């Protein structure tokens, strides 16, 4: 089947993104995959930081390649390099009721959350970004989209838009399915959601010393004063990470913590070593790709050419359905 997904270049990628990329790699092994840098979407919330998008795009795609996305097996490209995304979005905007956009659960939630940080999101672009997502998906006539459970309403909106177009004009678009995967909740070093806005992330590109510093900053059991005191791993951020990355040793580490046999410093050292083993090959591949001047740009240019060809074919079908296809 054809699969599509994208990421916003709104910050450097961190460990929380690794699960998404690993899911993408699973999908690229078996399906026809299109993965894109959602730079137009980045402007829907970071419209005052447009100049940063280019550098963040380069860094993000370098991380994609370092983790294991293969440009020979997947189409990797930048959204704005394929103008048909915007063209189809405009077509959809002509018949999509405002009420469909206003009822998307994340709309009012993000208005509130980002408004608390001083960001005004009462804009046409932010209201319409789920419709742009629908255009992103349907321009490639994708069958499936890997999403978190909170994004399912966006997929349902996309399906409604496809149905409305097909009903009004002609059956051009499939109704894509959401591929929901269980993603473990990975907190930041301070226990809150991992986010660049909180400064609590561990970057995929972090060097070993930086990983060690970030792990040392993790919040542990506040009731534990001495390393021989009994610990309560269920309230410890370090233990949460061990539950994801140190599964073979988890029972041993938990028992040692509860029994006061291992201190927080030693426990953090084990975690830092584990994370660095995980990130070592990613860092090495990233250095290799960045040492090849222009390589990332070549990958994106080739991907955009493939994406534009597919998107142009869809817009031809759209124009024919509208009755706008001119005779030669």
C-alpha atoms as a PDB file:
ATOM      1  CA  UNK A   1       0.000   0.000   0.000  1.00  0.00           C
ATOM      2  CA  UNK A   2       1.002   3.630  -0.314  1.00  0.00           C
ATOM      3  CA  UNK A   3       1.969   5.291   2.979  1.00  0.00           C
ATOM      4  CA  UNK A   4       2.515   8.979   3.673  1.00  0.00           C
ATOM      5  CA  UNK A   5       3.790  10.852   6.719  1.00  0.00           C
ATOM      6  CA  UNK A   6       5.660  14.036   7.552  1.00  0.00           C
ATOM      7  CA  UNK A   7       7.454  15.979  10.296  1.00  0.00           C
ATOM      8  CA  UNK A   8       7.603  19.681  10.990  1.00  0.00           C
ATOM      9  CA  UNK A   9      11.079  21.271  10.976  1.00  0.00           C
ATOM     10  CA  UNK A  10      10.353  23.220  14.149  1.00  0.00           C
ATOM     11  CA  UNK A  11      13.326  21.986  16.190  1.00  0.00           C
ATOM     12  CA  UNK A  12      16.150  19.447  16.377  1.00  0.00           C
ATOM     13  CA  UNK A  13      15.039  15.817  16.593  1.00  0.00           C
ATOM     14  CA  UNK A  14      15.259  14.110  19.977  1.00  0.00           C
ATOM     15  CA  UNK A  15      14.793  10.627  21.419  1.00  0.00           C
ATOM     16  CA  UNK A  16      11.030  11.025  21.360  1.00  0.00           C
ATOM     17  CA  UNK A  17      11.191  11.158  17.535  1.00  0.00           C
ATOM     18  CA  UNK A  18      13.162   7.927  17.319  1.00  0.00           C
ATOM     19  CA  UNK A  19      10.051   5.752  17.694  1.00  0.00           C
ATOM     20  CA  UNK A  20       8.381   7.536  14.799  1.00  0.00           C
ATOM     21  CA  UNK A  21      11.426   7.053  12.582  1.00  0.00           C
ATOM     22  CA  UNK A  22      11.721   3.386  13.533  1.00  0.00           C
ATOM     23  CA  UNK A  23       8.068   2.945  12.544  1.00  0.00           C
ATOM     24  CA  UNK A  24       8.776   4.642   9.224  1.00  0.00           C
ATOM     25  CA  UNK A  25      11.651   2.233   8.600  1.00  0.00           C
ATOM     26  CA  UNK A  26       9.359  -0.744   9.246  1.00  0.00           C
ATOM     27  CA  UNK A  27       6.887   0.646   6.737  1.00  0.00           C
ATOM     28  CA  UNK A  28       9.491   1.415   4.052  1.00  0.00           C
ATOM     29  CA  UNK A  29      10.565  -2.241   4.134  1.00  0.00           C
ATOM     30  CA  UNK A  30       7.173  -3.377   2.846  1.00  0.00           C
ATOM     31  CA  UNK A  31       5.290  -0.440   1.324  1.00  0.00           C
ATOM     32  CA  UNK A  32       5.462   2.480  -1.125  1.00  0.00           C
ATOM     33  CA  UNK A  33       6.382   5.311   1.254  1.00  0.00           C
ATOM     34  CA  UNK A  34       6.428   9.094   0.937  1.00  0.00           C
ATOM     35  CA  UNK A  35       8.001  10.981   3.869  1.00  0.00           C
ATOM     36  CA  UNK A  36       8.146  14.762   3.760  1.00  0.00           C
ATOM     37  CA  UNK A  37       9.438  17.776   5.626  1.00  0.00           C
ATOM     38  CA  UNK A  38       6.298  19.731   6.533  1.00  0.00           C
ATOM     39  CA  UNK A  39       7.747  23.224   6.175  1.00  0.00           C
ATOM     40  CA  UNK A  40       4.429  24.909   5.336  1.00  0.00           C
ATOM     41  CA  UNK A  41       3.015  23.348   8.483  1.00  0.00           C
ATOM     42  CA  UNK A  42       5.907  24.726  10.521  1.00  0.00           C
ATOM     43  CA  UNK A  43       4.792  28.220   9.518  1.00  0.00           C
ATOM     44  CA  UNK A  44       1.277  27.597  10.844  1.00  0.00           C
ATOM     45  CA  UNK A  45       2.635  27.955  14.385  1.00  0.00           C
ATOM     46  CA  UNK A  46       6.140  29.408  13.867  1.00  0.00           C
ATOM     47  CA  UNK A  47       5.315  32.014  11.240  1.00  0.00           C
ATOM     48  CA  UNK A  48       7.646  34.470  12.970  1.00  0.00           C
ATOM     49  CA  UNK A  49      10.619  32.070  12.720  1.00  0.00           C
ATOM     50  CA  UNK A  50      10.551  31.352   8.987  1.00  0.00           C
ATOM     51  CA  UNK A  51      14.283  31.949   8.493  1.00  0.00           C
ATOM     52  CA  UNK A  52      15.158  29.001  10.755  1.00  0.00           C
ATOM     53  CA  UNK A  53      13.218  26.454   8.684  1.00  0.00           C
ATOM     54  CA  UNK A  54      15.941  25.882   6.067  1.00  0.00           C
ATOM     55  CA  UNK A  55      18.678  24.911   8.541  1.00  0.00           C
ATOM     56  CA  UNK A  56      16.274  22.828  10.611  1.00  0.00           C
ATOM     57  CA  UNK A  57      15.191  20.996   7.455  1.00  0.00           C
ATOM     58  CA  UNK A  58      18.794  20.065   6.626  1.00  0.00           C
ATOM     59  CA  UNK A  59      19.451  18.838  10.180  1.00  0.00           C
ATOM     60  CA  UNK A  60      16.229  16.866  10.318  1.00  0.00           C
ATOM     61  CA  UNK A  61      16.796  15.027   7.049  1.00  0.00           C
ATOM     62  CA  UNK A  62      20.380  14.245   8.117  1.00  0.00           C
ATOM     63  CA  UNK A  63      18.864  12.608  11.206  1.00  0.00           C
ATOM     64  CA  UNK A  64      16.360  10.689   9.066  1.00  0.00           C
ATOM     65  CA  UNK A  65      19.171   9.262   6.972  1.00  0.00           C
ATOM     66  CA  UNK A  66      21.336   8.539  10.015  1.00  0.00           C
ATOM     67  CA  UNK A  67      18.561   6.581  11.701  1.00  0.00           C
ATOM     68  CA  UNK A  68      18.046   4.501   8.568  1.00  0.00           C
ATOM     69  CA  UNK A  69      15.545   5.981   6.134  1.00  0.00           C
ATOM     70  CA  UNK A  70      16.618   4.945   2.642  1.00  0.00           C
ATOM     71  CA  UNK A  71      16.079   7.385  -0.266  1.00  0.00           C
ATOM     72  CA  UNK A  72      16.237   4.437  -2.656  1.00  0.00           C
ATOM     73  CA  UNK A  73      13.222   2.832  -0.968  1.00  0.00           C
ATOM     74  CA  UNK A  74      11.259   5.879   0.223  1.00  0.00           C
ATOM     75  CA  UNK A  75      10.521   9.230  -1.378  1.00  0.00           C
ATOM     76  CA  UNK A  76      12.026  11.903   0.884  1.00  0.00           C
ATOM     77  CA  UNK A  77      11.175  15.507   0.032  1.00  0.00           C
ATOM     78  CA  UNK A  78      10.234  18.974   1.266  1.00  0.00           C
ATOM     79  CA  UNK A  79       6.553  19.885   1.178  1.00  0.00           C
ATOM     80  CA  UNK A  80       7.011  23.349  -0.360  1.00  0.00           C
ATOM     81  CA  UNK A  81       9.089  21.869  -3.210  1.00  0.00           C
ATOM     82  CA  UNK A  82       5.860  20.276  -4.483  1.00  0.00           C
ATOM     83  CA  UNK A  83       3.465  23.165  -5.222  1.00  0.00           C
ATOM     84  CA  UNK A  84       0.579  20.781  -5.894  1.00  0.00           C
ATOM     85  CA  UNK A  85       0.148  20.428  -2.103  1.00  0.00           C
ATOM     86  CA  UNK A  86      -0.884  24.089  -1.950  1.00  0.00           C
ATOM     87  CA  UNK A  87      -2.969  23.842  -5.128  1.00  0.00           C
ATOM     88  CA  UNK A  88      -5.016  20.903  -3.855  1.00  0.00           C
ATOM     89  CA  UNK A  89      -5.392  22.593  -0.472  1.00  0.00           C
ATOM     90  CA  UNK A  90      -6.931  25.578  -2.269  1.00  0.00           C
ATOM     91  CA  UNK A  91      -9.382  23.343  -4.136  1.00  0.00           C
ATOM     92  CA  UNK A  92     -10.431  21.635  -0.907  1.00  0.00           C
ATOM     93  CA  UNK A  93     -10.856  24.970   0.872  1.00  0.00           C
ATOM     94  CA  UNK A  94     -13.614  25.915  -1.585  1.00  0.00           C
ATOM     95  CA  UNK A  95     -16.021  23.233  -0.385  1.00  0.00           C
ATOM     96  CA  UNK A  96     -14.922  22.349   3.167  1.00  0.00           C
ATOM     97  CA  UNK A  97     -17.315  23.757   5.829  1.00  0.00           C
ATOM     98  CA  UNK A  98     -15.710  25.879   8.525  1.00  0.00           C
ATOM     99  CA  UNK A  99     -17.457  23.769  11.161  1.00  0.00           C
ATOM    100  CA  UNK A 100     -15.396  20.742  10.096  1.00  0.00           C
ATOM    101  CA  UNK A 101     -12.189  22.611  10.914  1.00  0.00           C
ATOM    102  CA  UNK A 102     -13.416  24.216  14.117  1.00  0.00           C
ATOM    103  CA  UNK A 103     -14.410  20.864  15.607  1.00  0.00           C
ATOM    104  CA  UNK A 104     -10.929  19.296  15.216  1.00  0.00           C
ATOM    105  CA  UNK A 105     -10.011  18.590  18.888  1.00  0.00           C
ATOM    106  CA  UNK A 106      -6.434  19.833  18.649  1.00  0.00           C
ATOM    107  CA  UNK A 107      -7.485  23.244  17.293  1.00  0.00           C
ATOM    108  CA  UNK A 108      -8.796  24.844  20.483  1.00  0.00           C
ATOM    109  CA  UNK A 109      -6.347  22.883  22.625  1.00  0.00           C
ATOM    110  CA  UNK A 110      -3.303  24.248  20.790  1.00  0.00           C
ATOM    111  CA  UNK A 111      -4.803  27.740  20.648  1.00  0.00           C
ATOM    112  CA  UNK A 112      -4.935  27.610  24.436  1.00  0.00           C
ATOM    113  CA  UNK A 113      -1.545  25.937  25.033  1.00  0.00           C
ATOM    114  CA  UNK A 114       0.471  28.099  22.647  1.00  0.00           C
ATOM    115  CA  UNK A 115      -1.504  31.191  23.581  1.00  0.00           C
ATOM    116  CA  UNK A 116      -0.209  30.748  27.114  1.00  0.00           C
ATOM    117  CA  UNK A 117       3.302  31.094  25.645  1.00  0.00           C
ATOM    118  CA  UNK A 118       2.391  34.354  23.917  1.00  0.00           C
ATOM    119  CA  UNK A 119       1.705  32.934  20.439  1.00  0.00           C
ATOM    120  CA  UNK A 120      -1.346  34.274  18.571  1.00  0.00           C
ATOM    121  CA  UNK A 121      -2.804  31.413  16.523  1.00  0.00           C
ATOM    122  CA  UNK A 122      -6.053  33.064  15.504  1.00  0.00           C
ATOM    123  CA  UNK A 123      -4.944  32.833  11.879  1.00  0.00           C
ATOM    124  CA  UNK A 124      -6.417  31.410   8.690  1.00  0.00           C
ATOM    125  CA  UNK A 125      -3.380  29.152   8.267  1.00  0.00           C
ATOM    126  CA  UNK A 126      -3.670  27.561  11.684  1.00  0.00           C
ATOM    127  CA  UNK A 127      -7.414  26.981  11.351  1.00  0.00           C
ATOM    128  CA  UNK A 128      -6.825  25.395   7.959  1.00  0.00           C
ATOM    129  CA  UNK A 129      -3.767  23.282   8.713  1.00  0.00           C
ATOM    130  CA  UNK A 130      -5.778  20.020   9.078  1.00  0.00           C
ATOM    131  CA  UNK A 131      -7.116  20.680   5.577  1.00  0.00           C
ATOM    132  CA  UNK A 132      -3.557  21.146   4.311  1.00  0.00           C
ATOM    133  CA  UNK A 133      -2.790  17.796   5.959  1.00  0.00           C
ATOM    134  CA  UNK A 134      -5.648  16.271   3.970  1.00  0.00           C
ATOM    135  CA  UNK A 135      -4.134  17.703   0.791  1.00  0.00           C
ATOM    136  CA  UNK A 136      -0.705  16.336   1.772  1.00  0.00           C
ATOM    137  CA  UNK A 137      -2.190  12.858   2.060  1.00  0.00           C
ATOM    138  CA  UNK A 138      -4.589  12.877  -0.871  1.00  0.00           C
ATOM    139  CA  UNK A 139      -2.236  14.481  -3.410  1.00  0.00           C
ATOM    140  CA  UNK A 140      -0.441  11.084  -3.391  1.00  0.00           C
ATOM    141  CA  UNK A 141      -3.692   9.148  -3.033  1.00  0.00           C
ATOM    142  CA  UNK A 142      -2.212   7.448   0.008  1.00  0.00           C
ATOM    143  CA  UNK A 143      -3.869   4.398   1.520  1.00  0.00           C
ATOM    144  CA  UNK A 144      -2.498   4.785   5.032  1.00  0.00           C
ATOM    145  CA  UNK A 145      -0.949   7.324   7.392  1.00  0.00           C
ATOM    146  CA  UNK A 146       1.018   6.364  10.534  1.00  0.00           C
ATOM    147  CA  UNK A 147      -0.315   8.532  13.373  1.00  0.00           C
ATOM    148  CA  UNK A 148      -0.628   8.782  17.100  1.00  0.00           C
ATOM    149  CA  UNK A 149      -4.090   8.210  18.523  1.00  0.00           C
ATOM    150  CA  UNK A 150      -4.558  11.956  19.066  1.00  0.00           C
ATOM    151  CA  UNK A 151      -4.231  12.503  15.303  1.00  0.00           C
ATOM    152  CA  UNK A 152      -7.092  10.178  14.319  1.00  0.00           C
ATOM    153  CA  UNK A 153      -9.587  13.085  14.078  1.00  0.00           C
ATOM    154  CA  UNK A 154      -7.305  14.577  11.404  1.00  0.00           C
ATOM    155  CA  UNK A 155      -7.477  11.347   9.414  1.00  0.00           C
ATOM    156  CA  UNK A 156     -11.271  11.303   9.732  1.00  0.00           C
ATOM    157  CA  UNK A 157     -11.389  14.874   8.410  1.00  0.00           C
ATOM    158  CA  UNK A 158      -9.224  13.774   5.484  1.00  0.00           C
ATOM    159  CA  UNK A 159     -11.641  10.916   4.776  1.00  0.00           C
ATOM    160  CA  UNK A 160     -14.602  13.318   4.897  1.00  0.00           C
ATOM    161  CA  UNK A 161     -12.899  15.671   2.459  1.00  0.00           C
ATOM    162  CA  UNK A 162     -12.148  12.781   0.093  1.00  0.00           C
ATOM    163  CA  UNK A 163     -15.768  11.608   0.268  1.00  0.00           C
ATOM    164  CA  UNK A 164     -17.104  15.133  -0.363  1.00  0.00           C
ATOM    165  CA  UNK A 165     -14.848  15.653  -3.395  1.00  0.00           C
ATOM    166  CA  UNK A 166     -15.715  12.233  -4.807  1.00  0.00           C
ATOM    167  CA  UNK A 167     -19.443  12.929  -4.299  1.00  0.00           C
ATOM    168  CA  UNK A 168     -19.383  16.441  -5.789  1.00  0.00           C
ATOM    169  CA  UNK A 169     -17.189  15.687  -8.796  1.00  0.00           C
ATOM    170  CA  UNK A 170     -15.813  12.189  -9.494  1.00  0.00           C
ATOM    171  CA  UNK A 171     -14.212   9.311  -7.545  1.00  0.00           C
ATOM    172  CA  UNK A 172     -10.578  10.436  -7.552  1.00  0.00           C
ATOM    173  CA  UNK A 173      -9.448   9.854  -3.966  1.00  0.00           C
ATOM    174  CA  UNK A 174      -9.223   6.810  -1.673  1.00  0.00           C
ATOM    175  CA  UNK A 175     -10.260   7.121   1.981  1.00  0.00           C
ATOM    176  CA  UNK A 176      -6.976   6.618   3.850  1.00  0.00           C
ATOM    177  CA  UNK A 177      -6.676   4.695   7.085  1.00  0.00           C
ATOM    178  CA  UNK A 178      -4.763   5.753  10.176  1.00  0.00           C
ATOM    179  CA  UNK A 179      -2.043   3.312  11.223  1.00  0.00           C
ATOM    180  CA  UNK A 180      -1.989   3.717  14.996  1.00  0.00           C
ATOM    181  CA  UNK A 181       1.106   2.470  16.774  1.00  0.00           C
ATOM    182  CA  UNK A 182       1.659   2.346  20.513  1.00  0.00           C
ATOM    183  CA  UNK A 183       4.424   4.802  21.328  1.00  0.00           C
ATOM    184  CA  UNK A 184       5.813   4.744  24.876  1.00  0.00           C
ATOM    185  CA  UNK A 185       5.602   8.026  26.738  1.00  0.00           C
ATOM    186  CA  UNK A 186       9.151   9.324  26.920  1.00  0.00           C
ATOM    187  CA  UNK A 187       9.462  12.201  29.388  1.00  0.00           C
ATOM    188  CA  UNK A 188      12.052  14.938  29.264  1.00  0.00           C
ATOM    189  CA  UNK A 189      14.854  14.993  31.812  1.00  0.00           C
ATOM    190  CA  UNK A 190      12.642  17.027  34.163  1.00  0.00           C
ATOM    191  CA  UNK A 191       9.699  14.627  33.980  1.00  0.00           C
ATOM    192  CA  UNK A 192       7.562  16.832  31.740  1.00  0.00           C
ATOM    193  CA  UNK A 193       6.809  16.061  28.097  1.00  0.00           C
ATOM    194  CA  UNK A 194      10.027  16.080  26.085  1.00  0.00           C
ATOM    195  CA  UNK A 195      10.046  19.322  24.123  1.00  0.00           C
ATOM    196  CA  UNK A 196      12.553  21.871  22.833  1.00  0.00           C
ATOM    197  CA  UNK A 197      10.370  24.613  24.336  1.00  0.00           C
ATOM    198  CA  UNK A 198      11.085  23.165  27.795  1.00  0.00           C
ATOM    199  CA  UNK A 199      14.772  22.586  27.060  1.00  0.00           C
ATOM    200  CA  UNK A 200      14.472  19.078  28.517  1.00  0.00           C
ATOM    201  CA  UNK A 201      15.217  16.964  25.455  1.00  0.00           C
ATOM    202  CA  UNK A 202      18.014  14.548  24.549  1.00  0.00           C
ATOM    203  CA  UNK A 203      18.897  15.200  20.910  1.00  0.00           C
ATOM    204  CA  UNK A 204      19.580  12.380  18.469  1.00  0.00           C
ATOM    205  CA  UNK A 205      22.736  14.265  17.499  1.00  0.00           C
ATOM    206  CA  UNK A 206      23.902  14.773  21.109  1.00  0.00           C
ATOM    207  CA  UNK A 207      27.522  13.738  21.699  1.00  0.00           C
ATOM    208  CA  UNK A 208      28.260  11.161  24.456  1.00  0.00           C
ATOM    209  CA  UNK A 209      29.297  13.791  26.995  1.00  0.00           C
ATOM    210  CA  UNK A 210      26.085  15.733  26.421  1.00  0.00           C
ATOM    211  CA  UNK A 211      24.004  12.570  26.826  1.00  0.00           C
ATOM    212  CA  UNK A 212      25.767  11.961  30.141  1.00  0.00           C
ATOM    213  CA  UNK A 213      25.042  15.515  31.297  1.00  0.00           C
ATOM    214  CA  UNK A 214      21.379  15.243  30.352  1.00  0.00           C
ATOM    215  CA  UNK A 215      20.988  11.927  32.128  1.00  0.00           C
ATOM    216  CA  UNK A 216      22.691  13.323  35.233  1.00  0.00           C
ATOM    217  CA  UNK A 217      20.098  16.113  35.224  1.00  0.00           C
ATOM    218  CA  UNK A 218      17.205  13.642  35.357  1.00  0.00           C
ATOM    219  CA  UNK A 219      14.883  13.807  38.345  1.00  0.00           C
ATOM    220  CA  UNK A 220      15.057  10.797  40.637  1.00  0.00           C
ATOM    221  CA  UNK A 221      13.237   9.758  43.825  1.00  0.00           C
ATOM    222  CA  UNK A 222      13.104  12.950  45.971  1.00  0.00           C
ATOM    223  CA  UNK A 223      12.615  10.894  49.146  1.00  0.00           C
ATOM    224  CA  UNK A 224      15.923   9.082  48.660  1.00  0.00           C
ATOM    225  CA  UNK A 225      18.725  10.905  50.481  1.00  0.00           C
ATOM    226  CA  UNK A 226      21.423   8.219  50.742  1.00  0.00           C
ATOM    227  CA  UNK A 227      22.205   5.561  48.176  1.00  0.00           C
ATOM    228  CA  UNK A 228      21.429   2.853  50.749  1.00  0.00           C
ATOM    229  CA  UNK A 229      17.902   4.228  51.293  1.00  0.00           C
ATOM    230  CA  UNK A 230      15.120   2.143  49.728  1.00  0.00           C
ATOM    231  CA  UNK A 231      14.126   3.669  46.387  1.00  0.00           C
ATOM    232  CA  UNK A 232      10.764   4.122  44.686  1.00  0.00           C
ATOM    233  CA  UNK A 233      11.476   3.560  40.978  1.00  0.00           C
ATOM    234  CA  UNK A 234       7.896   4.307  39.936  1.00  0.00           C
ATOM    235  CA  UNK A 235       8.483   8.043  40.579  1.00  0.00           C
ATOM    236  CA  UNK A 236      11.923   8.178  38.933  1.00  0.00           C
ATOM    237  CA  UNK A 237      12.520   9.490  35.394  1.00  0.00           C
ATOM    238  CA  UNK A 238      15.658   7.352  35.101  1.00  0.00           C
ATOM    239  CA  UNK A 239      13.626   4.235  35.825  1.00  0.00           C
ATOM    240  CA  UNK A 240      11.102   5.230  33.133  1.00  0.00           C
ATOM    241  CA  UNK A 241      13.960   5.284  30.616  1.00  0.00           C
ATOM    242  CA  UNK A 242      15.287   1.951  31.869  1.00  0.00           C
ATOM    243  CA  UNK A 243      11.799   0.536  31.284  1.00  0.00           C
ATOM    244  CA  UNK A 244      12.190   1.407  27.610  1.00  0.00           C
ATOM    245  CA  UNK A 245      15.900   0.988  26.911  1.00  0.00           C
ATOM    246  CA  UNK A 246      17.144  -1.491  29.544  1.00  0.00           C
ATOM    247  CA  UNK A 247      14.402  -4.107  29.418  1.00  0.00           C
ATOM    248  CA  UNK A 248      16.723  -7.151  29.908  1.00  0.00           C
ATOM    249  CA  UNK A 249      18.078  -5.602  33.127  1.00  0.00           C
ATOM    250  CA  UNK A 250      14.894  -3.910  34.311  1.00  0.00           C
ATOM    251  CA  UNK A 251      13.923  -6.414  37.011  1.00  0.00           C
ATOM    252  CA  UNK A 252      17.476  -6.456  38.387  1.00  0.00           C
ATOM    253  CA  UNK A 253      17.708  -2.649  38.441  1.00  0.00           C
ATOM    254  CA  UNK A 254      14.313  -2.268  40.073  1.00  0.00           C
ATOM    255  CA  UNK A 255      15.141  -4.795  42.780  1.00  0.00           C
ATOM    256  CA  UNK A 256      18.488  -3.114  43.463  1.00  0.00           C
ATOM    257  CA  UNK A 257      16.812   0.293  43.701  1.00  0.00           C
ATOM    258  CA  UNK A 258      14.085  -0.851  46.091  1.00  0.00           C
ATOM    259  CA  UNK A 259      16.648  -2.659  48.211  1.00  0.00           C
ATOM    260  CA  UNK A 260      19.060   0.281  48.395  1.00  0.00           C
ATOM    261  CA  UNK A 261      21.752  -1.746  46.607  1.00  0.00           C
ATOM    262  CA  UNK A 262      22.392   0.770  43.834  1.00  0.00           C
ATOM    263  CA  UNK A 263      22.598   4.558  44.092  1.00  0.00           C
ATOM    264  CA  UNK A 264      21.109   7.066  41.694  1.00  0.00           C
ATOM    265  CA  UNK A 265      24.541   8.066  40.346  1.00  0.00           C
ATOM    266  CA  UNK A 266      25.381   4.484  39.362  1.00  0.00           C
ATOM    267  CA  UNK A 267      21.901   3.970  37.923  1.00  0.00           C
ATOM    268  CA  UNK A 268      22.265   7.096  35.783  1.00  0.00           C
ATOM    269  CA  UNK A 269      25.675   5.934  34.568  1.00  0.00           C
ATOM    270  CA  UNK A 270      24.149   2.657  33.349  1.00  0.00           C
ATOM    271  CA  UNK A 271      21.423   4.566  31.517  1.00  0.00           C
ATOM    272  CA  UNK A 272      23.892   6.982  29.882  1.00  0.00           C
ATOM    273  CA  UNK A 273      25.980   4.041  28.636  1.00  0.00           C
ATOM    274  CA  UNK A 274      22.842   2.348  27.279  1.00  0.00           C
ATOM    275  CA  UNK A 275      21.667   5.476  25.430  1.00  0.00           C
ATOM    276  CA  UNK A 276      25.108   6.088  23.975  1.00  0.00           C
ATOM    277  CA  UNK A 277      25.255   2.529  22.628  1.00  0.00           C
ATOM    278  CA  UNK A 278      21.903   3.216  20.983  1.00  0.00           C
ATOM    279  CA  UNK A 279      23.002   6.539  19.503  1.00  0.00           C
ATOM    280  CA  UNK A 280      26.605   5.659  18.539  1.00  0.00           C
ATOM    281  CA  UNK A 281      25.731   4.266  15.075  1.00  0.00           C
ATOM    282  CA  UNK A 282      23.299   7.144  14.444  1.00  0.00           C
ATOM    283  CA  UNK A 283      25.981   9.700  15.260  1.00  0.00           C
ATOM    284  CA  UNK A 284      28.524   7.931  13.063  1.00  0.00           C
ATOM    285  CA  UNK A 285      26.208   7.750  10.047  1.00  0.00           C
ATOM    286  CA  UNK A 286      25.172  11.360  10.566  1.00  0.00           C
ATOM    287  CA  UNK A 287      28.833  12.458  10.457  1.00  0.00           C
ATOM    288  CA  UNK A 288      29.338  10.462   7.259  1.00  0.00           C
ATOM    289  CA  UNK A 289      26.387  12.085   5.512  1.00  0.00           C
ATOM    290  CA  UNK A 290      27.287  15.598   6.635  1.00  0.00           C
ATOM    291  CA  UNK A 291      30.860  15.050   5.408  1.00  0.00           C
ATOM    292  CA  UNK A 292      29.460  14.725   1.861  1.00  0.00           C
ATOM    293  CA  UNK A 293      28.776  18.335   0.763  1.00  0.00           C
ATOM    294  CA  UNK A 294      25.391  18.708  -0.887  1.00  0.00           C
ATOM    295  CA  UNK A 295      24.306  15.111  -0.252  1.00  0.00           C
ATOM    296  CA  UNK A 296      21.205  15.964   1.789  1.00  0.00           C
ATOM    297  CA  UNK A 297      20.154  18.494  -0.851  1.00  0.00           C
ATOM    298  CA  UNK A 298      20.640  15.886  -3.595  1.00  0.00           C
ATOM    299  CA  UNK A 299      18.414  13.428  -1.725  1.00  0.00           C
ATOM    300  CA  UNK A 300      15.686  16.048  -1.325  1.00  0.00           C
ATOM    301  CA  UNK A 301      15.917  17.202  -4.943  1.00  0.00           C
ATOM    302  CA  UNK A 302      15.573  13.649  -6.243  1.00  0.00           C
ATOM    303  CA  UNK A 303      12.685  12.977  -3.867  1.00  0.00           C
ATOM    304  CA  UNK A 304      10.911  16.193  -4.868  1.00  0.00           C
ATOM    305  CA  UNK A 305      11.147  15.254  -8.553  1.00  0.00           C
ATOM    306  CA  UNK A 306       9.506  11.890  -7.859  1.00  0.00           C
ATOM    307  CA  UNK A 307       6.875  13.498  -5.624  1.00  0.00           C
ATOM    308  CA  UNK A 308       6.048  16.223  -8.169  1.00  0.00           C
ATOM    309  CA  UNK A 309       5.470  13.648 -10.899  1.00  0.00           C
ATOM    310  CA  UNK A 310       2.964  11.784  -8.740  1.00  0.00           C
ATOM    311  CA  UNK A 311       1.313  14.972  -7.486  1.00  0.00           C
ATOM    312  CA  UNK A 312       0.987  16.337 -11.032  1.00  0.00           C
ATOM    313  CA  UNK A 313      -0.834  13.181 -12.104  1.00  0.00           C
ATOM    314  CA  UNK A 314      -3.280  13.612  -9.228  1.00  0.00           C
ATOM    315  CA  UNK A 315      -3.933  17.252 -10.148  1.00  0.00           C
ATOM    316  CA  UNK A 316      -4.610  16.181 -13.718  1.00  0.00           C
ATOM    317  CA  UNK A 317      -7.268  13.817 -12.376  1.00  0.00           C
ATOM    318  CA  UNK A 318      -8.635  16.591 -10.148  1.00  0.00           C
ATOM    319  CA  UNK A 319      -8.911  19.028 -13.072  1.00  0.00           C
ATOM    320  CA  UNK A 320     -10.639  16.398 -15.165  1.00  0.00           C
ATOM    321  CA  UNK A 321     -13.103  15.707 -12.335  1.00  0.00           C
ATOM    322  CA  UNK A 322     -13.804  19.460 -12.086  1.00  0.00           C
ATOM    323  CA  UNK A 323     -14.365  19.615 -15.829  1.00  0.00           C
ATOM    324  CA  UNK A 324     -11.401  21.961 -16.205  1.00  0.00           C
ATOM    325  CA  UNK A 325      -9.145  19.828 -18.347  1.00  0.00           C
ATOM    326  CA  UNK A 326      -8.458  21.799 -21.514  1.00  0.00           C
ATOM    327  CA  UNK A 327      -8.421  20.029 -24.853  1.00  0.00           C
ATOM    328  CA  UNK A 328      -5.063  20.172 -26.645  1.00  0.00           C
END
